[in-house]
Amino acid sequence: MDSSFDNLPCGIADVVDLLDIQIIRNTGTQLHCRCPFCGDKKAHLNVNIKKNIFRCNRCGKGGGVLHLYADFHDVTLNTAYEELCRIFQSAGSPDAVIRRTAPRKPVVVKPELPLASSEVRHNTYSNLLSLLSLGANHRESLLRRGLSGDEIVRLGYKTTPAVRAPKIVTELLERGCDLRGVPGFYCDKDTGRWKLDIRGSGIMIPDRNCKGEIEAIQVRLDF
């Protein structure tokens, strides 16, 4: 358990359950899971239940209980500690059981901003997609659905970013993209930094208007 925070009312197995991370194999002392950070399919994420630590042998993510929760939701360790205490502080109550077994969604405090214009959204989304690529597995999946290679390129399908998300936001800002009022982006109240709200691996599908502008992006998550 993270030594810098006392009396954390949960172990790493509880957080794995809370985040709905898929367990492929349970040896009793270790959980072998599909990594939520790099979207692997072969259980590269090893969780040591006794030591309350985790590590992905594919992308290198690792740490303790708080790091798992904080990295998953892209929040600070302090925020992770406060939220886990709030979730698990009444472990014996019916409400706590529901919170522990239900998939946890990121707690994001978003400023009330009006929706950005279609021109701003198109510019931001176009730049975002230009920074991404389409994974081989997702390409094969789209081909199996009947799309041709040319259609996949023309429609602009891309794979969601994983560990590169913060760098992508930085690049968008450096390009002069306006993230205010663009769905999928929010400003973290603790750090004041803009972030991309990506909740798992999947295919990003641009939603275009009659002018061909990208007004929104849908994400078809992997299951």
Protein backbone atom coordinates (compact mmCIF):
# COMPACT_ATOMS: atom_id res chain seq x y z
CA MET A 1 0.00 0.00 0.00
CA ASP A 2 1.17 3.56 -0.66
CA SER A 3 3.12 4.49 2.49
CA SER A 4 2.62 8.23 2.02
CA PHE A 5 -1.12 7.90 2.71
CA ASP A 6 -2.26 6.30 5.96
CA ASN A 7 -5.43 4.28 6.57
CA LEU A 8 -6.39 3.67 2.96
CA PRO A 9 -9.59 1.59 3.36
CA CYS A 10 -9.01 -0.74 0.42
CA GLY A 11 -6.47 -2.98 -1.22
CA ILE A 12 -5.37 -3.14 -4.83
CA ALA A 13 -7.74 -6.05 -5.58
CA ASP A 14 -10.64 -3.81 -4.49
CA VAL A 15 -9.49 -1.12 -6.91
CA VAL A 16 -9.14 -3.63 -9.76
CA ASP A 17 -12.76 -4.61 -9.10
CA LEU A 18 -13.84 -0.99 -8.77
CA LEU A 19 -12.29 -0.01 -12.11
CA ASP A 20 -13.79 -3.08 -13.80
CA ILE A 21 -10.36 -4.20 -15.02
CA GLN A 22 -10.72 -7.58 -16.70
CA ILE A 23 -9.02 -10.41 -14.82
CA ILE A 24 -7.82 -13.23 -17.06
CA ARG A 25 -6.24 -15.40 -14.36
CA ASN A 26 -6.28 -15.35 -10.55
CA THR A 27 -3.56 -17.38 -8.81
CA GLY A 28 -4.67 -16.38 -5.34
CA THR A 29 -1.68 -14.11 -4.80
CA GLN A 30 -1.57 -12.41 -8.20
CA LEU A 31 -4.11 -11.18 -10.70
CA HIS A 32 -3.19 -11.33 -14.37
CA CYS A 33 -5.29 -8.71 -16.13
CA ARG A 34 -5.76 -6.92 -19.41
CA CYS A 35 -3.98 -3.61 -19.05
CA PRO A 36 -6.39 -0.64 -19.26
CA PHE A 37 -3.55 1.71 -20.16
CA CYS A 38 -2.26 0.07 -23.34
CA GLY A 39 -5.26 -2.10 -24.30
CA ASP A 40 -3.37 -5.40 -24.44
CA LYS A 41 -5.22 -8.68 -24.97
CA LYS A 42 -2.84 -11.11 -23.24
CA ALA A 43 -3.00 -10.17 -19.57
CA HIS A 44 0.28 -8.26 -19.36
CA LEU A 45 -0.87 -6.41 -16.25
CA ASN A 46 0.33 -8.24 -13.13
CA VAL A 47 -1.26 -7.28 -9.79
CA ASN A 48 0.37 -8.50 -6.59
CA ILE A 49 -2.45 -8.73 -4.07
CA LYS A 50 -0.19 -9.20 -1.03
CA LYS A 51 2.16 -6.32 -1.82
CA ASN A 52 -0.60 -4.08 -3.27
CA ILE A 53 1.40 -3.22 -6.38
CA PHE A 54 0.87 -3.57 -10.12
CA ARG A 55 2.96 -3.48 -13.27
CA CYS A 56 2.26 -3.91 -16.98
CA ASN A 57 5.03 -5.79 -18.74
CA ARG A 58 3.90 -4.29 -22.05
CA CYS A 59 3.67 -0.53 -21.45
CA GLY A 60 5.60 -0.27 -18.19
CA LYS A 61 2.84 1.30 -16.09
CA GLY A 62 3.20 0.41 -12.43
CA GLY A 63 2.88 1.49 -8.82
CA GLY A 64 0.65 1.01 -5.82
CA VAL A 65 -3.04 1.23 -5.01
CA LEU A 66 -3.29 4.99 -5.45
CA HIS A 67 -1.23 4.97 -8.63
CA LEU A 68 -3.58 2.46 -10.25
CA TYR A 69 -6.64 4.58 -9.50
CA ALA A 70 -4.94 7.91 -10.23
CA ASP A 71 -3.45 6.78 -13.55
CA PHE A 72 -6.73 5.19 -14.64
CA HIS A 73 -8.66 8.43 -14.03
CA ASP A 74 -5.77 10.80 -14.76
CA VAL A 75 -6.03 12.52 -11.37
CA THR A 76 -3.50 13.37 -8.64
CA LEU A 77 -2.61 10.95 -5.84
CA ASN A 78 -4.32 13.28 -3.36
CA THR A 79 -7.52 13.17 -5.37
CA ALA A 80 -7.25 9.38 -5.69
CA TYR A 81 -6.84 9.06 -1.92
CA GLU A 82 -9.84 11.26 -1.17
CA GLU A 83 -12.09 9.48 -3.65
CA LEU A 84 -11.10 5.97 -2.53
CA CYS A 85 -11.70 6.92 1.09
CA ARG A 86 -15.10 8.30 0.18
CA ILE A 87 -16.02 5.17 -1.81
CA PHE A 88 -14.83 2.60 0.73
CA GLN A 89 -15.28 4.41 4.03
CA SER A 90 -18.61 2.67 4.72
CA ALA A 91 -17.70 -0.78 3.50
CA GLY A 92 -20.47 -2.46 5.44
CA SER A 93 -23.34 -0.45 3.98
CA PRO A 94 -25.45 -1.60 0.99
CA ASP A 95 -24.53 1.57 -0.89
CA ALA A 96 -20.83 0.83 -0.49
CA VAL A 97 -21.28 -2.64 -1.96
CA ILE A 98 -22.94 -1.13 -5.01
CA ARG A 99 -20.13 1.40 -5.43
CA ARG A 100 -17.48 -1.29 -5.12
CA THR A 101 -18.94 -3.59 -7.75
CA ALA A 102 -20.12 -1.02 -10.28
CA PRO A 103 -17.64 0.24 -12.92
CA ARG A 104 -16.23 3.54 -11.73
CA LYS A 105 -16.43 6.53 -14.00
CA PRO A 106 -13.95 9.38 -13.71
CA VAL A 107 -14.97 12.16 -11.37
CA VAL A 108 -14.44 15.23 -13.48
CA VAL A 109 -15.44 18.74 -12.54
CA LYS A 110 -15.97 20.49 -15.81
CA PRO A 111 -16.51 24.19 -16.33
CA GLU A 112 -19.84 25.07 -17.81
CA LEU A 113 -18.75 26.15 -21.26
CA PRO A 114 -20.99 26.58 -24.28
CA LEU A 115 -20.47 24.11 -27.10
CA ALA A 116 -17.73 25.27 -29.42
CA SER A 117 -18.66 26.16 -33.00
CA SER A 118 -18.55 23.49 -35.67
CA GLU A 119 -15.47 25.18 -37.17
CA VAL A 120 -13.57 25.03 -33.86
CA ARG A 121 -14.59 21.43 -33.22
CA HIS A 122 -13.60 20.41 -36.74
CA ASN A 123 -10.20 22.04 -36.42
CA THR A 124 -9.49 20.48 -33.02
CA TYR A 125 -10.74 17.02 -33.97
CA SER A 126 -8.89 17.07 -37.30
CA ASN A 127 -5.64 17.91 -35.56
CA LEU A 128 -6.30 15.26 -32.94
CA LEU A 129 -6.85 12.53 -35.51
CA SER A 130 -3.75 13.60 -37.43
CA LEU A 131 -1.69 12.74 -34.34
CA LEU A 132 -3.12 9.23 -34.05
CA SER A 133 -2.84 5.99 -35.99
CA LEU A 134 -5.05 2.96 -36.48
CA GLY A 135 -3.90 -0.19 -34.74
CA ALA A 136 -3.57 -3.39 -36.75
CA ASN A 137 -6.23 -5.17 -34.68
CA HIS A 138 -8.72 -2.36 -35.18
CA ARG A 139 -7.98 -2.22 -38.90
CA GLU A 140 -8.63 -5.96 -39.20
CA SER A 141 -11.86 -5.54 -37.25
CA LEU A 142 -13.07 -2.82 -39.64
CA LEU A 143 -12.13 -4.91 -42.68
CA ARG A 144 -14.14 -7.82 -41.25
CA ARG A 145 -17.10 -5.46 -40.94
CA GLY A 146 -17.00 -4.91 -44.70
CA LEU A 147 -15.07 -1.65 -45.01
CA SER A 148 -12.38 -1.37 -47.63
CA GLY A 149 -8.91 -0.02 -46.92
CA ASP A 150 -9.70 3.16 -48.87
CA GLU A 151 -12.91 3.71 -46.90
CA ILE A 152 -11.08 3.30 -43.59
CA VAL A 153 -8.59 5.98 -44.61
CA ARG A 154 -11.25 8.30 -46.06
CA LEU A 155 -13.48 8.07 -42.99
CA GLY A 156 -10.55 8.73 -40.69
CA TYR A 157 -10.89 5.90 -38.18
CA LYS A 158 -8.16 5.91 -35.53
CA THR A 159 -7.26 3.99 -32.37
CA THR A 160 -7.72 5.81 -29.06
CA PRO A 161 -4.49 7.04 -27.49
CA ALA A 162 -3.33 5.36 -24.30
CA VAL A 163 -0.22 6.55 -22.48
CA ARG A 164 0.40 9.36 -25.00
CA ALA A 165 -2.75 11.32 -24.20
CA PRO A 166 -1.07 14.13 -22.17
CA LYS A 167 1.52 14.68 -24.89
CA ILE A 168 -1.23 14.84 -27.49
CA VAL A 169 -3.07 17.57 -25.57
CA THR A 170 0.18 19.52 -25.31
CA GLU A 171 0.72 19.20 -29.07
CA LEU A 172 -2.83 20.39 -29.81
CA LEU A 173 -2.34 23.47 -27.65
CA GLU A 174 1.00 24.19 -29.32
CA ARG A 175 -0.76 24.02 -32.69
CA GLY A 176 -3.16 26.70 -31.48
CA CYS A 177 -6.21 24.45 -31.16
CA ASP A 178 -9.02 25.77 -28.97
CA LEU A 179 -10.19 23.04 -26.55
CA ARG A 180 -12.86 25.12 -24.82
CA GLY A 181 -16.32 23.70 -25.39
CA VAL A 182 -15.01 20.78 -27.43
CA PRO A 183 -16.57 17.52 -26.14
CA GLY A 184 -13.93 15.07 -24.96
CA PHE A 185 -11.67 17.74 -23.46
CA TYR A 186 -11.84 19.20 -19.97
CA CYS A 187 -9.77 21.41 -17.71
CA ASP A 188 -8.68 19.69 -14.48
CA LYS A 189 -9.68 21.88 -11.54
CA ASP A 190 -6.68 20.81 -9.43
CA THR A 191 -3.94 21.44 -11.99
CA GLY A 192 -5.60 23.84 -14.41
CA ARG A 193 -4.39 21.66 -17.27
CA TRP A 194 -6.45 20.58 -20.24
CA LYS A 195 -6.94 16.83 -20.58
CA LEU A 196 -8.41 14.38 -23.04
CA ASP A 197 -11.16 12.22 -21.56
CA ILE A 198 -10.31 8.75 -22.90
CA ARG A 199 -11.70 5.86 -20.85
CA GLY A 200 -10.35 2.81 -22.64
CA SER A 201 -9.02 1.32 -25.83
CA GLY A 202 -11.23 1.43 -28.89
CA ILE A 203 -11.87 2.88 -32.33
CA MET A 204 -12.46 6.61 -32.75
CA ILE A 205 -15.19 7.27 -35.32
CA PRO A 206 -15.50 10.83 -36.69
CA ASP A 207 -19.07 12.13 -36.95
CA ARG A 208 -19.26 14.57 -39.87
CA ASN A 209 -21.95 17.05 -40.88
CA CYS A 210 -23.18 17.71 -44.41
CA LYS A 211 -20.18 19.97 -45.03
CA GLY A 212 -17.77 17.19 -44.14
CA GLU A 213 -16.77 18.89 -40.89
CA ILE A 214 -16.07 16.69 -37.88
CA GLU A 215 -18.57 17.80 -35.25
CA ALA A 216 -18.01 14.94 -32.81
CA ILE A 217 -16.06 11.74 -32.33
CA GLN A 218 -17.66 8.52 -31.15
CA VAL A 219 -15.56 5.85 -29.47
CA ARG A 220 -16.39 2.18 -29.91
CA LEU A 221 -14.65 0.60 -26.93
CA ASP A 222 -13.04 -2.83 -27.05
CA PHE A 223 -14.72 -5.57 -25.05
